[in-house]
N, C-alpha and C. Protein backbone atom coordinates (compact mmCIF):
# COMPACT_ATOMS: atom_id res chain seq x y z
N MET A 1 -12.28 -141.37 110.34
CA MET A 1 -10.82 -141.37 110.39
C MET A 1 -10.26 -141.72 109.02
N LEU A 2 -9.05 -141.27 108.78
CA LEU A 2 -8.31 -141.69 107.59
C LEU A 2 -7.36 -142.80 108.02
N LEU A 3 -7.61 -143.99 107.50
CA LEU A 3 -6.83 -145.18 107.85
C LEU A 3 -5.88 -145.53 106.71
N ALA A 4 -4.62 -145.78 107.05
CA ALA A 4 -3.63 -146.18 106.05
C ALA A 4 -3.18 -147.61 106.34
N PHE A 5 -3.05 -148.39 105.28
CA PHE A 5 -2.67 -149.79 105.40
C PHE A 5 -1.46 -150.08 104.53
N ASP A 6 -0.55 -150.88 105.08
CA ASP A 6 0.48 -151.46 104.24
C ASP A 6 -0.20 -152.47 103.32
N LEU A 7 0.43 -152.78 102.23
CA LEU A 7 -0.15 -153.73 101.27
C LEU A 7 0.32 -155.15 101.52
N ASP A 8 1.62 -155.36 101.42
CA ASP A 8 2.15 -156.72 101.52
C ASP A 8 2.04 -157.25 102.94
N ASP A 9 1.40 -158.42 103.04
CA ASP A 9 1.27 -159.17 104.29
C ASP A 9 0.40 -158.48 105.33
N VAL A 10 -0.32 -157.45 104.91
CA VAL A 10 -1.46 -156.92 105.66
C VAL A 10 -2.72 -157.12 104.84
N LEU A 11 -2.65 -156.76 103.57
CA LEU A 11 -3.75 -156.99 102.63
C LEU A 11 -3.48 -158.17 101.70
N ALA A 12 -2.22 -158.38 101.35
CA ALA A 12 -1.83 -159.39 100.36
C ALA A 12 -0.88 -160.41 100.98
N GLU A 13 -1.11 -161.68 100.65
CA GLU A 13 -0.27 -162.77 101.18
C GLU A 13 1.02 -162.89 100.36
N THR A 14 1.80 -161.84 100.37
CA THR A 14 2.98 -161.78 99.52
C THR A 14 4.09 -162.72 99.96
N MET A 15 4.36 -162.76 101.25
CA MET A 15 5.52 -163.52 101.72
C MET A 15 5.38 -165.01 101.45
N LYS A 16 4.18 -165.54 101.53
CA LYS A 16 4.00 -166.97 101.28
C LYS A 16 4.41 -167.34 99.85
N GLU A 17 4.12 -166.44 98.91
CA GLU A 17 4.55 -166.70 97.53
C GLU A 17 6.05 -166.49 97.37
N LEU A 18 6.61 -165.52 98.09
CA LEU A 18 8.06 -165.32 98.03
C LEU A 18 8.79 -166.54 98.56
N VAL A 19 8.29 -167.13 99.62
CA VAL A 19 8.90 -168.34 100.18
C VAL A 19 8.94 -169.45 99.12
N LEU A 20 7.80 -169.67 98.45
CA LEU A 20 7.74 -170.71 97.42
C LEU A 20 8.67 -170.38 96.26
N PHE A 21 8.67 -169.13 95.84
CA PHE A 21 9.54 -168.70 94.75
C PHE A 21 11.00 -168.99 95.10
N HIS A 22 11.42 -168.60 96.29
CA HIS A 22 12.84 -168.76 96.64
C HIS A 22 13.20 -170.23 96.78
N ASN A 23 12.33 -171.03 97.37
CA ASN A 23 12.60 -172.46 97.48
C ASN A 23 12.76 -173.10 96.10
N ASP A 24 11.88 -172.75 95.18
CA ASP A 24 11.89 -173.37 93.85
C ASP A 24 13.05 -172.91 92.99
N HIS A 25 13.49 -171.66 93.17
CA HIS A 25 14.52 -171.11 92.29
C HIS A 25 15.93 -171.16 92.88
N TYR A 26 16.04 -171.26 94.21
CA TYR A 26 17.36 -171.19 94.83
C TYR A 26 17.66 -172.38 95.74
N GLY A 27 16.79 -173.39 95.70
CA GLY A 27 17.08 -174.64 96.39
C GLY A 27 16.94 -174.63 97.89
N THR A 28 16.33 -173.59 98.45
CA THR A 28 16.10 -173.56 99.90
C THR A 28 14.89 -174.42 100.24
N ARG A 29 14.74 -174.70 101.53
CA ARG A 29 13.59 -175.52 101.99
C ARG A 29 12.91 -174.83 103.17
N HIS A 30 12.74 -173.53 103.05
CA HIS A 30 12.15 -172.75 104.14
C HIS A 30 10.64 -172.86 104.15
N SER A 31 10.09 -172.70 105.33
CA SER A 31 8.64 -172.53 105.48
C SER A 31 8.37 -171.08 105.86
N PHE A 32 7.12 -170.68 105.81
CA PHE A 32 6.76 -169.31 106.17
C PHE A 32 7.22 -168.97 107.57
N SER A 33 7.12 -169.91 108.50
CA SER A 33 7.49 -169.65 109.90
C SER A 33 8.99 -169.48 110.08
N ASP A 34 9.80 -169.88 109.09
CA ASP A 34 11.25 -169.69 109.18
C ASP A 34 11.65 -168.23 109.00
N TYR A 35 10.75 -167.43 108.45
CA TYR A 35 11.08 -166.03 108.16
C TYR A 35 10.88 -165.17 109.41
N THR A 36 11.79 -165.35 110.36
CA THR A 36 11.73 -164.61 111.62
C THR A 36 12.50 -163.30 111.56
N THR A 37 13.06 -162.99 110.40
CA THR A 37 13.73 -161.71 110.17
C THR A 37 13.34 -161.21 108.79
N TYR A 38 13.27 -159.88 108.64
CA TYR A 38 13.01 -159.33 107.32
C TYR A 38 14.32 -159.01 106.60
N ASP A 39 15.44 -159.32 107.22
CA ASP A 39 16.74 -159.22 106.56
C ASP A 39 16.97 -160.51 105.80
N HIS A 40 16.44 -160.59 104.60
CA HIS A 40 16.45 -161.84 103.85
C HIS A 40 17.83 -162.28 103.43
N ASP A 41 18.77 -161.35 103.35
CA ASP A 41 20.13 -161.74 103.04
C ASP A 41 20.69 -162.67 104.11
N GLN A 42 20.31 -162.44 105.36
CA GLN A 42 20.76 -163.31 106.45
C GLN A 42 20.16 -164.70 106.32
N LEU A 43 18.87 -164.75 106.03
CA LEU A 43 18.19 -166.04 105.92
C LEU A 43 18.65 -166.81 104.69
N TRP A 44 18.89 -166.09 103.61
CA TRP A 44 19.25 -166.74 102.36
C TRP A 44 20.75 -166.98 102.22
N GLY A 45 21.55 -166.40 103.11
CA GLY A 45 22.99 -166.59 103.04
C GLY A 45 23.64 -165.92 101.84
N CYS A 46 23.20 -164.69 101.55
CA CYS A 46 23.75 -163.96 100.41
C CYS A 46 23.96 -162.50 100.81
N SER A 47 24.48 -161.70 99.91
CA SER A 47 24.67 -160.29 100.19
C SER A 47 23.33 -159.54 100.12
N ARG A 48 23.30 -158.33 100.67
CA ARG A 48 22.10 -157.52 100.59
C ARG A 48 21.76 -157.19 99.13
N GLU A 49 22.80 -156.95 98.33
CA GLU A 49 22.59 -156.63 96.92
C GLU A 49 21.98 -157.82 96.17
N GLU A 50 22.46 -159.02 96.49
CA GLU A 50 21.91 -160.21 95.85
C GLU A 50 20.47 -160.45 96.30
N ALA A 51 20.19 -160.21 97.59
CA ALA A 51 18.82 -160.35 98.07
C ALA A 51 17.88 -159.39 97.35
N ASP A 52 18.35 -158.16 97.13
CA ASP A 52 17.55 -157.18 96.39
C ASP A 52 17.27 -157.66 94.97
N ARG A 53 18.28 -158.24 94.33
CA ARG A 53 18.09 -158.75 92.97
C ARG A 53 17.07 -159.89 92.95
N ARG A 54 17.10 -160.74 93.97
CA ARG A 54 16.13 -161.83 94.03
C ARG A 54 14.71 -161.30 94.23
N HIS A 55 14.56 -160.24 94.99
CA HIS A 55 13.25 -159.61 95.15
C HIS A 55 12.75 -159.06 93.81
N VAL A 56 13.64 -158.46 93.04
CA VAL A 56 13.25 -157.94 91.72
C VAL A 56 12.79 -159.09 90.82
N LYS A 57 13.51 -160.21 90.83
CA LYS A 57 13.11 -161.37 90.03
C LYS A 57 11.76 -161.91 90.49
N PHE A 58 11.52 -161.93 91.78
CA PHE A 58 10.24 -162.39 92.31
C PHE A 58 9.09 -161.52 91.78
N ARG A 59 9.30 -160.20 91.77
CA ARG A 59 8.24 -159.30 91.35
C ARG A 59 7.90 -159.43 89.86
N SER A 60 8.78 -160.04 89.09
CA SER A 60 8.49 -160.27 87.67
C SER A 60 8.11 -161.72 87.38
N SER A 61 7.92 -162.50 88.42
CA SER A 61 7.64 -163.93 88.25
C SER A 61 6.15 -164.23 88.31
N SER A 62 5.79 -165.44 87.95
CA SER A 62 4.39 -165.88 88.04
C SER A 62 3.94 -165.99 89.50
N TYR A 63 4.87 -166.21 90.41
CA TYR A 63 4.53 -166.32 91.83
C TYR A 63 3.94 -165.00 92.32
N PHE A 64 4.53 -163.90 91.89
CA PHE A 64 4.05 -162.58 92.30
C PHE A 64 2.62 -162.34 91.82
N HIS A 65 2.30 -162.86 90.66
CA HIS A 65 0.99 -162.60 90.06
C HIS A 65 -0.09 -163.55 90.56
N ARG A 66 0.26 -164.49 91.41
CA ARG A 66 -0.77 -165.37 91.98
C ARG A 66 -1.00 -165.10 93.48
N ILE A 67 -0.50 -163.98 93.96
CA ILE A 67 -0.74 -163.56 95.34
C ILE A 67 -2.24 -163.37 95.57
N VAL A 68 -2.73 -163.82 96.72
CA VAL A 68 -4.14 -163.67 97.08
C VAL A 68 -4.25 -162.77 98.32
N PRO A 69 -5.45 -162.26 98.61
CA PRO A 69 -5.63 -161.43 99.80
C PRO A 69 -5.45 -162.21 101.10
N VAL A 70 -5.04 -161.50 102.13
CA VAL A 70 -5.00 -162.05 103.49
C VAL A 70 -6.43 -162.42 103.90
N GLU A 71 -6.58 -163.50 104.63
CA GLU A 71 -7.90 -163.97 105.05
C GLU A 71 -8.69 -162.87 105.75
N MET A 72 -9.91 -162.66 105.33
CA MET A 72 -10.87 -161.70 105.89
C MET A 72 -10.58 -160.25 105.53
N ALA A 73 -9.48 -159.98 104.85
CA ALA A 73 -9.11 -158.59 104.57
C ALA A 73 -10.12 -157.89 103.67
N VAL A 74 -10.60 -158.59 102.65
CA VAL A 74 -11.51 -157.95 101.70
C VAL A 74 -12.81 -157.55 102.38
N ASP A 75 -13.45 -158.48 103.08
CA ASP A 75 -14.74 -158.18 103.72
C ASP A 75 -14.59 -157.11 104.80
N ALA A 76 -13.53 -157.21 105.58
CA ALA A 76 -13.34 -156.22 106.65
C ALA A 76 -13.07 -154.83 106.07
N ALA A 77 -12.27 -154.76 105.03
CA ALA A 77 -11.97 -153.46 104.43
C ALA A 77 -13.21 -152.84 103.81
N LYS A 78 -14.08 -153.66 103.22
CA LYS A 78 -15.33 -153.15 102.66
C LYS A 78 -16.18 -152.49 103.75
N GLU A 79 -16.24 -153.11 104.90
CA GLU A 79 -17.04 -152.55 105.99
C GLU A 79 -16.39 -151.29 106.56
N LEU A 80 -15.09 -151.31 106.72
CA LEU A 80 -14.40 -150.13 107.23
C LEU A 80 -14.57 -148.95 106.28
N ARG A 81 -14.64 -149.23 105.00
CA ARG A 81 -14.77 -148.16 103.99
C ARG A 81 -16.08 -147.39 104.16
N LYS A 82 -17.09 -148.01 104.76
CA LYS A 82 -18.38 -147.35 104.94
C LYS A 82 -18.29 -146.18 105.92
N LYS A 83 -17.30 -146.21 106.80
CA LYS A 83 -17.18 -145.17 107.82
C LYS A 83 -15.89 -144.38 107.77
N HIS A 84 -14.91 -144.89 107.04
CA HIS A 84 -13.58 -144.28 107.08
C HIS A 84 -13.05 -144.05 105.67
N GLY A 85 -12.09 -143.15 105.56
CA GLY A 85 -11.29 -143.06 104.36
C GLY A 85 -10.16 -144.07 104.45
N LEU A 86 -9.93 -144.81 103.37
CA LEU A 86 -8.89 -145.85 103.36
C LEU A 86 -7.88 -145.58 102.25
N VAL A 87 -6.61 -145.60 102.60
CA VAL A 87 -5.53 -145.48 101.63
C VAL A 87 -4.51 -146.58 101.89
N ILE A 88 -3.67 -146.82 100.90
CA ILE A 88 -2.57 -147.77 101.03
C ILE A 88 -1.26 -147.00 100.94
N ILE A 89 -0.35 -147.29 101.87
CA ILE A 89 1.01 -146.74 101.80
C ILE A 89 1.96 -147.93 101.80
N SER A 90 2.57 -148.16 100.66
CA SER A 90 3.38 -149.35 100.46
C SER A 90 4.83 -148.98 100.19
N ALA A 91 5.74 -149.81 100.69
CA ALA A 91 7.17 -149.62 100.40
C ALA A 91 7.55 -150.14 99.02
N ARG A 92 6.57 -150.68 98.29
CA ARG A 92 6.85 -151.17 96.95
C ARG A 92 7.43 -150.07 96.05
N PRO A 93 8.20 -150.46 95.04
CA PRO A 93 8.73 -149.47 94.10
C PRO A 93 7.67 -149.01 93.11
N GLU A 94 7.83 -147.80 92.65
CA GLU A 94 6.90 -147.20 91.71
C GLU A 94 6.80 -147.98 90.40
N ASP A 95 7.85 -148.71 90.06
CA ASP A 95 7.85 -149.39 88.76
C ASP A 95 6.90 -150.59 88.70
N ILE A 96 6.29 -150.97 89.81
CA ILE A 96 5.26 -152.02 89.74
C ILE A 96 3.89 -151.45 90.11
N ARG A 97 3.72 -150.15 89.89
CA ARG A 97 2.41 -149.53 90.15
C ARG A 97 1.31 -150.20 89.33
N THR A 98 1.55 -150.42 88.05
CA THR A 98 0.49 -150.98 87.20
C THR A 98 0.06 -152.35 87.69
N ALA A 99 1.03 -153.23 87.97
CA ALA A 99 0.70 -154.57 88.47
C ALA A 99 -0.02 -154.50 89.81
N THR A 100 0.41 -153.57 90.65
CA THR A 100 -0.21 -153.41 91.97
C THR A 100 -1.65 -152.94 91.84
N GLU A 101 -1.88 -151.94 91.01
CA GLU A 101 -3.23 -151.41 90.85
C GLU A 101 -4.16 -152.42 90.18
N GLU A 102 -3.63 -153.22 89.26
CA GLU A 102 -4.45 -154.29 88.66
C GLU A 102 -4.87 -155.31 89.71
N TRP A 103 -3.95 -155.65 90.61
CA TRP A 103 -4.28 -156.60 91.68
C TRP A 103 -5.34 -156.00 92.61
N LEU A 104 -5.18 -154.74 92.97
CA LEU A 104 -6.14 -154.09 93.84
C LEU A 104 -7.51 -153.99 93.18
N ASN A 105 -7.57 -153.72 91.89
CA ASN A 105 -8.84 -153.66 91.18
C ASN A 105 -9.52 -155.02 91.11
N LEU A 106 -8.71 -156.07 91.14
CA LEU A 106 -9.26 -157.43 91.11
C LEU A 106 -9.89 -157.81 92.44
N TYR A 107 -9.23 -157.46 93.55
CA TYR A 107 -9.68 -157.92 94.86
C TYR A 107 -10.29 -156.82 95.74
N PHE A 108 -9.86 -155.58 95.58
CA PHE A 108 -10.29 -154.50 96.48
C PHE A 108 -10.85 -153.31 95.70
N LYS A 109 -11.51 -153.57 94.61
CA LYS A 109 -11.98 -152.51 93.72
C LYS A 109 -12.89 -151.52 94.46
N GLY A 110 -12.56 -150.25 94.39
CA GLY A 110 -13.39 -149.20 94.97
C GLY A 110 -13.26 -149.03 96.47
N ILE A 111 -12.38 -149.78 97.10
CA ILE A 111 -12.28 -149.71 98.57
C ILE A 111 -11.26 -148.67 99.01
N PHE A 112 -10.11 -148.64 98.36
CA PHE A 112 -9.05 -147.70 98.74
C PHE A 112 -9.03 -146.54 97.76
N SER A 113 -8.96 -145.33 98.29
CA SER A 113 -9.02 -144.16 97.42
C SER A 113 -7.73 -143.95 96.63
N LYS A 114 -6.60 -144.41 97.19
CA LYS A 114 -5.33 -144.23 96.48
C LYS A 114 -4.27 -145.13 97.09
N VAL A 115 -3.28 -145.48 96.28
CA VAL A 115 -2.12 -146.23 96.78
C VAL A 115 -0.89 -145.36 96.59
N HIS A 116 -0.11 -145.23 97.66
CA HIS A 116 1.11 -144.42 97.66
C HIS A 116 2.31 -145.34 97.79
N PHE A 117 3.32 -145.13 96.94
CA PHE A 117 4.54 -145.94 96.95
C PHE A 117 5.68 -145.12 97.54
N THR A 118 6.41 -145.72 98.47
CA THR A 118 7.52 -145.00 99.09
C THR A 118 8.89 -145.36 98.49
N ASN A 119 8.92 -146.38 97.61
CA ASN A 119 10.16 -146.75 96.90
C ASN A 119 11.30 -147.13 97.84
N GLN A 120 10.99 -147.68 99.00
CA GLN A 120 12.04 -147.95 99.96
C GLN A 120 12.89 -149.17 99.62
N TYR A 121 12.44 -149.96 98.67
CA TYR A 121 13.24 -151.11 98.24
C TYR A 121 13.58 -151.01 96.75
N ASP A 122 13.49 -149.81 96.21
CA ASP A 122 13.87 -149.57 94.83
C ASP A 122 15.35 -149.24 94.78
N LEU A 123 16.07 -149.88 93.89
CA LEU A 123 17.52 -149.68 93.81
C LEU A 123 17.89 -148.38 93.11
N THR A 124 16.92 -147.75 92.45
CA THR A 124 17.24 -146.56 91.65
C THR A 124 16.49 -145.31 92.08
N ALA A 125 15.29 -145.46 92.67
CA ALA A 125 14.44 -144.30 92.97
C ALA A 125 14.80 -143.68 94.32
N GLN A 126 14.35 -142.45 94.51
CA GLN A 126 14.54 -141.76 95.78
C GLN A 126 13.45 -142.19 96.76
N PRO A 127 13.81 -142.82 97.87
CA PRO A 127 12.77 -143.29 98.80
C PRO A 127 12.27 -142.18 99.72
N ARG A 128 11.12 -142.41 100.31
CA ARG A 128 10.59 -141.55 101.37
C ARG A 128 10.03 -142.47 102.44
N THR A 129 9.84 -141.98 103.64
CA THR A 129 9.34 -142.82 104.71
C THR A 129 7.82 -142.84 104.71
N LYS A 130 7.28 -143.88 105.30
CA LYS A 130 5.82 -143.94 105.42
C LYS A 130 5.31 -142.85 106.36
N ALA A 131 6.12 -142.46 107.33
CA ALA A 131 5.73 -141.37 108.22
C ALA A 131 5.56 -140.08 107.44
N GLN A 132 6.44 -139.82 106.49
CA GLN A 132 6.33 -138.61 105.67
C GLN A 132 5.02 -138.60 104.90
N VAL A 133 4.63 -139.74 104.35
CA VAL A 133 3.38 -139.82 103.60
C VAL A 133 2.19 -139.66 104.54
N CYS A 134 2.25 -140.30 105.70
CA CYS A 134 1.16 -140.20 106.67
C CYS A 134 0.93 -138.74 107.09
N LEU A 135 2.00 -138.04 107.37
CA LEU A 135 1.88 -136.65 107.81
C LEU A 135 1.34 -135.76 106.69
N LYS A 136 1.77 -136.02 105.47
CA LYS A 136 1.29 -135.22 104.34
C LYS A 136 -0.20 -135.43 104.12
N LEU A 137 -0.68 -136.67 104.29
CA LEU A 137 -2.08 -136.99 104.05
C LEU A 137 -2.98 -136.70 105.24
N GLY A 138 -2.39 -136.55 106.43
CA GLY A 138 -3.19 -136.40 107.63
C GLY A 138 -3.79 -137.71 108.11
N VAL A 139 -3.02 -138.78 108.01
CA VAL A 139 -3.48 -140.11 108.40
C VAL A 139 -3.71 -140.17 109.91
N ASP A 140 -4.83 -140.77 110.31
CA ASP A 140 -5.16 -140.92 111.73
C ASP A 140 -4.62 -142.21 112.33
N LEU A 141 -4.37 -143.22 111.49
CA LEU A 141 -3.92 -144.51 111.99
C LEU A 141 -3.23 -145.26 110.86
N MET A 142 -2.02 -145.80 111.15
CA MET A 142 -1.25 -146.55 110.16
C MET A 142 -1.14 -148.00 110.61
N VAL A 143 -1.48 -148.94 109.71
CA VAL A 143 -1.38 -150.38 109.99
C VAL A 143 -0.25 -150.94 109.13
N ASP A 144 0.75 -151.55 109.76
CA ASP A 144 1.91 -152.07 109.04
C ASP A 144 2.40 -153.34 109.72
N TYR A 145 3.14 -154.16 108.98
CA TYR A 145 3.70 -155.38 109.56
C TYR A 145 5.16 -155.22 109.95
N ALA A 146 5.80 -154.12 109.56
CA ALA A 146 7.25 -153.96 109.74
C ALA A 146 7.54 -153.02 110.90
N LEU A 147 8.31 -153.51 111.85
CA LEU A 147 8.63 -152.70 113.02
C LEU A 147 9.36 -151.41 112.66
N GLN A 148 10.22 -151.46 111.62
CA GLN A 148 10.96 -150.25 111.29
C GLN A 148 10.02 -149.14 110.81
N HIS A 149 8.96 -149.50 110.10
CA HIS A 149 7.99 -148.49 109.66
C HIS A 149 7.12 -148.03 110.81
N ILE A 150 6.73 -148.97 111.66
CA ILE A 150 5.92 -148.64 112.84
C ILE A 150 6.67 -147.66 113.73
N ASP A 151 7.94 -147.93 113.99
CA ASP A 151 8.72 -147.08 114.88
C ASP A 151 8.87 -145.66 114.32
N VAL A 152 9.12 -145.55 113.01
CA VAL A 152 9.28 -144.23 112.41
C VAL A 152 7.97 -143.46 112.44
N CYS A 153 6.86 -144.13 112.15
CA CYS A 153 5.56 -143.47 112.19
C CYS A 153 5.22 -143.00 113.60
N GLU A 154 5.45 -143.85 114.56
CA GLU A 154 5.14 -143.49 115.94
C GLU A 154 5.99 -142.31 116.40
N ALA A 155 7.27 -142.32 116.03
CA ALA A 155 8.15 -141.21 116.41
C ALA A 155 7.69 -139.89 115.80
N ALA A 156 6.99 -139.98 114.66
CA ALA A 156 6.49 -138.77 114.01
C ALA A 156 5.11 -138.37 114.54
N GLY A 157 4.59 -139.14 115.50
CA GLY A 157 3.31 -138.80 116.09
C GLY A 157 2.11 -139.43 115.40
N VAL A 158 2.34 -140.42 114.53
CA VAL A 158 1.25 -141.10 113.84
C VAL A 158 0.85 -142.34 114.63
N PRO A 159 -0.41 -142.47 115.07
CA PRO A 159 -0.85 -143.69 115.76
C PRO A 159 -0.68 -144.91 114.88
N VAL A 160 -0.33 -146.04 115.48
CA VAL A 160 0.04 -147.23 114.70
C VAL A 160 -0.62 -148.48 115.25
N ILE A 161 -0.76 -149.48 114.36
CA ILE A 161 -1.13 -150.84 114.73
C ILE A 161 -0.16 -151.77 114.00
N LEU A 162 0.37 -152.75 114.71
CA LEU A 162 1.35 -153.69 114.15
C LEU A 162 0.66 -155.00 113.80
N TYR A 163 0.63 -155.35 112.51
CA TYR A 163 0.11 -156.65 112.09
C TYR A 163 1.18 -157.70 112.35
N ASP A 164 0.77 -158.96 112.52
CA ASP A 164 1.62 -159.96 113.14
C ASP A 164 2.10 -161.06 112.19
N PRO A 165 3.22 -160.86 111.48
CA PRO A 165 3.89 -161.98 110.81
C PRO A 165 5.03 -162.50 111.68
N PRO A 166 5.66 -163.62 111.30
CA PRO A 166 6.72 -164.21 112.15
C PRO A 166 7.92 -163.30 112.38
N TRP A 167 8.20 -162.38 111.46
CA TRP A 167 9.46 -161.63 111.54
C TRP A 167 9.38 -160.38 112.42
N ASN A 168 8.29 -160.11 113.09
CA ASN A 168 8.28 -158.93 113.96
C ASN A 168 7.86 -159.28 115.39
N ARG A 169 8.08 -160.51 115.81
CA ARG A 169 7.59 -160.94 117.11
C ARG A 169 8.62 -160.77 118.22
N ASN A 170 9.33 -159.68 118.18
CA ASN A 170 10.34 -159.41 119.21
C ASN A 170 10.01 -158.16 120.00
N GLY A 171 8.74 -157.82 120.07
CA GLY A 171 8.36 -156.67 120.88
C GLY A 171 7.09 -156.01 120.39
N ARG A 172 6.73 -154.90 121.05
CA ARG A 172 5.61 -154.06 120.69
C ARG A 172 4.27 -154.78 120.80
N GLU A 173 4.09 -155.55 121.87
CA GLU A 173 2.85 -156.27 122.07
C GLU A 173 1.65 -155.33 122.26
N ASP A 174 1.92 -154.10 122.72
CA ASP A 174 0.82 -153.17 122.98
C ASP A 174 0.12 -152.73 121.70
N TYR A 175 0.81 -152.81 120.56
CA TYR A 175 0.22 -152.38 119.30
C TYR A 175 -0.10 -153.55 118.36
N ARG A 176 0.11 -154.78 118.80
CA ARG A 176 0.04 -155.93 117.91
C ARG A 176 -1.38 -156.46 117.74
N VAL A 177 -1.71 -156.87 116.49
CA VAL A 177 -2.94 -157.61 116.22
C VAL A 177 -2.57 -158.87 115.45
N LEU A 178 -3.33 -159.94 115.67
CA LEU A 178 -2.99 -161.24 115.10
C LEU A 178 -3.68 -161.50 113.76
N ASN A 179 -4.79 -160.83 113.51
CA ASN A 179 -5.57 -161.09 112.30
C ASN A 179 -6.52 -159.92 112.08
N TRP A 180 -7.36 -160.02 111.07
CA TRP A 180 -8.25 -158.90 110.75
C TRP A 180 -9.38 -158.73 111.75
N VAL A 181 -9.75 -159.78 112.44
CA VAL A 181 -10.74 -159.63 113.52
C VAL A 181 -10.16 -158.76 114.62
N ASP A 182 -8.94 -159.07 115.02
CA ASP A 182 -8.25 -158.25 116.03
C ASP A 182 -8.04 -156.82 115.52
N LEU A 183 -7.72 -156.70 114.24
CA LEU A 183 -7.45 -155.38 113.68
C LEU A 183 -8.69 -154.50 113.72
N VAL A 184 -9.83 -155.03 113.31
CA VAL A 184 -11.06 -154.25 113.34
C VAL A 184 -11.41 -153.85 114.77
N ARG A 185 -11.20 -154.78 115.70
CA ARG A 185 -11.48 -154.47 117.10
C ARG A 185 -10.59 -153.34 117.59
N LYS A 186 -9.33 -153.36 117.20
CA LYS A 186 -8.39 -152.31 117.61
C LYS A 186 -8.78 -150.97 117.00
N ILE A 187 -9.23 -150.98 115.77
CA ILE A 187 -9.69 -149.75 115.14
C ILE A 187 -10.93 -149.22 115.86
N GLU A 188 -11.82 -150.11 116.24
CA GLU A 188 -13.01 -149.70 117.00
C GLU A 188 -12.62 -149.04 118.32
N GLN A 189 -11.63 -149.61 118.98
CA GLN A 189 -11.17 -149.02 120.24
C GLN A 189 -10.62 -147.62 120.02
N THR A 190 -9.91 -147.44 118.90
CA THR A 190 -9.39 -146.13 118.58
C THR A 190 -10.52 -145.15 118.30
N GLU A 191 -11.56 -145.61 117.62
CA GLU A 191 -12.74 -144.77 117.36
C GLU A 191 -13.38 -144.32 118.67
N LEU A 192 -13.55 -145.27 119.57
CA LEU A 192 -14.19 -144.95 120.85
C LEU A 192 -13.38 -143.94 121.64
N SER A 193 -12.06 -144.07 121.57
CA SER A 193 -11.21 -143.14 122.30
C SER A 193 -11.29 -141.73 121.72
N ARG A 194 -11.74 -141.66 120.45
CA ARG A 194 -11.91 -140.37 119.81
C ARG A 194 -13.36 -139.88 119.88
N GLY A 195 -14.19 -140.64 120.62
CA GLY A 195 -15.58 -140.22 120.82
C GLY A 195 -16.51 -140.55 119.69
N ARG A 196 -16.22 -141.64 118.92
CA ARG A 196 -17.07 -142.03 117.81
C ARG A 196 -17.62 -143.44 118.04
N LYS A 197 -18.71 -143.77 117.38
CA LYS A 197 -19.29 -145.10 117.48
C LYS A 197 -18.47 -146.07 116.64
N PRO A 198 -18.30 -147.31 117.10
CA PRO A 198 -17.51 -148.27 116.35
C PRO A 198 -18.22 -148.77 115.10
N ALA A 199 -17.42 -149.16 114.10
CA ALA A 199 -18.01 -149.80 112.92
C ALA A 199 -18.44 -151.21 113.26
N LYS A 200 -19.47 -151.70 112.59
CA LYS A 200 -19.95 -153.05 112.82
C LYS A 200 -19.49 -153.96 111.68
N ILE A 201 -18.82 -155.05 112.03
CA ILE A 201 -18.33 -156.00 111.04
C ILE A 201 -19.14 -157.29 111.14
């Protein structure tokens, strides 16, 4: 199968660093569990435009460059790579491609064949949906943490798995996984339903 993964908060612990960045720079006292919405303007008490500017500042900060992989993601992805094609489809903007690829080479070198950027949070670029990329590539399964991306992919006929951060716990339990152990198990179930032997982790 061709498996597609979101990057932030599926492979990379991005939000935990964003929380620390925002607390240190804007005087908030949030914890990771406080982020029950991905509409950060609501949580931060600012406009959407200001929230976007804060995200841009985060991406150029030292906090962004100390992001580490999600627990078990590296080992599990290495094993999945033995049987599947793996790609990344990220909503990140194209202008941080170099930093993103350097991070991937540090932690996931040789595991993912390519990273695709949809520019959905870029203030200047033309965005595209993850469903559009999935359909173009012929993706068999998309793993994402954001309900809005999951819903669009599913509507386009792309099978999905929902990774579980605090901000998407308002539905879709049928597609939800809590960690990489659950994720690998769900992928194995998908393999079996397609008449293939499961990968061993």
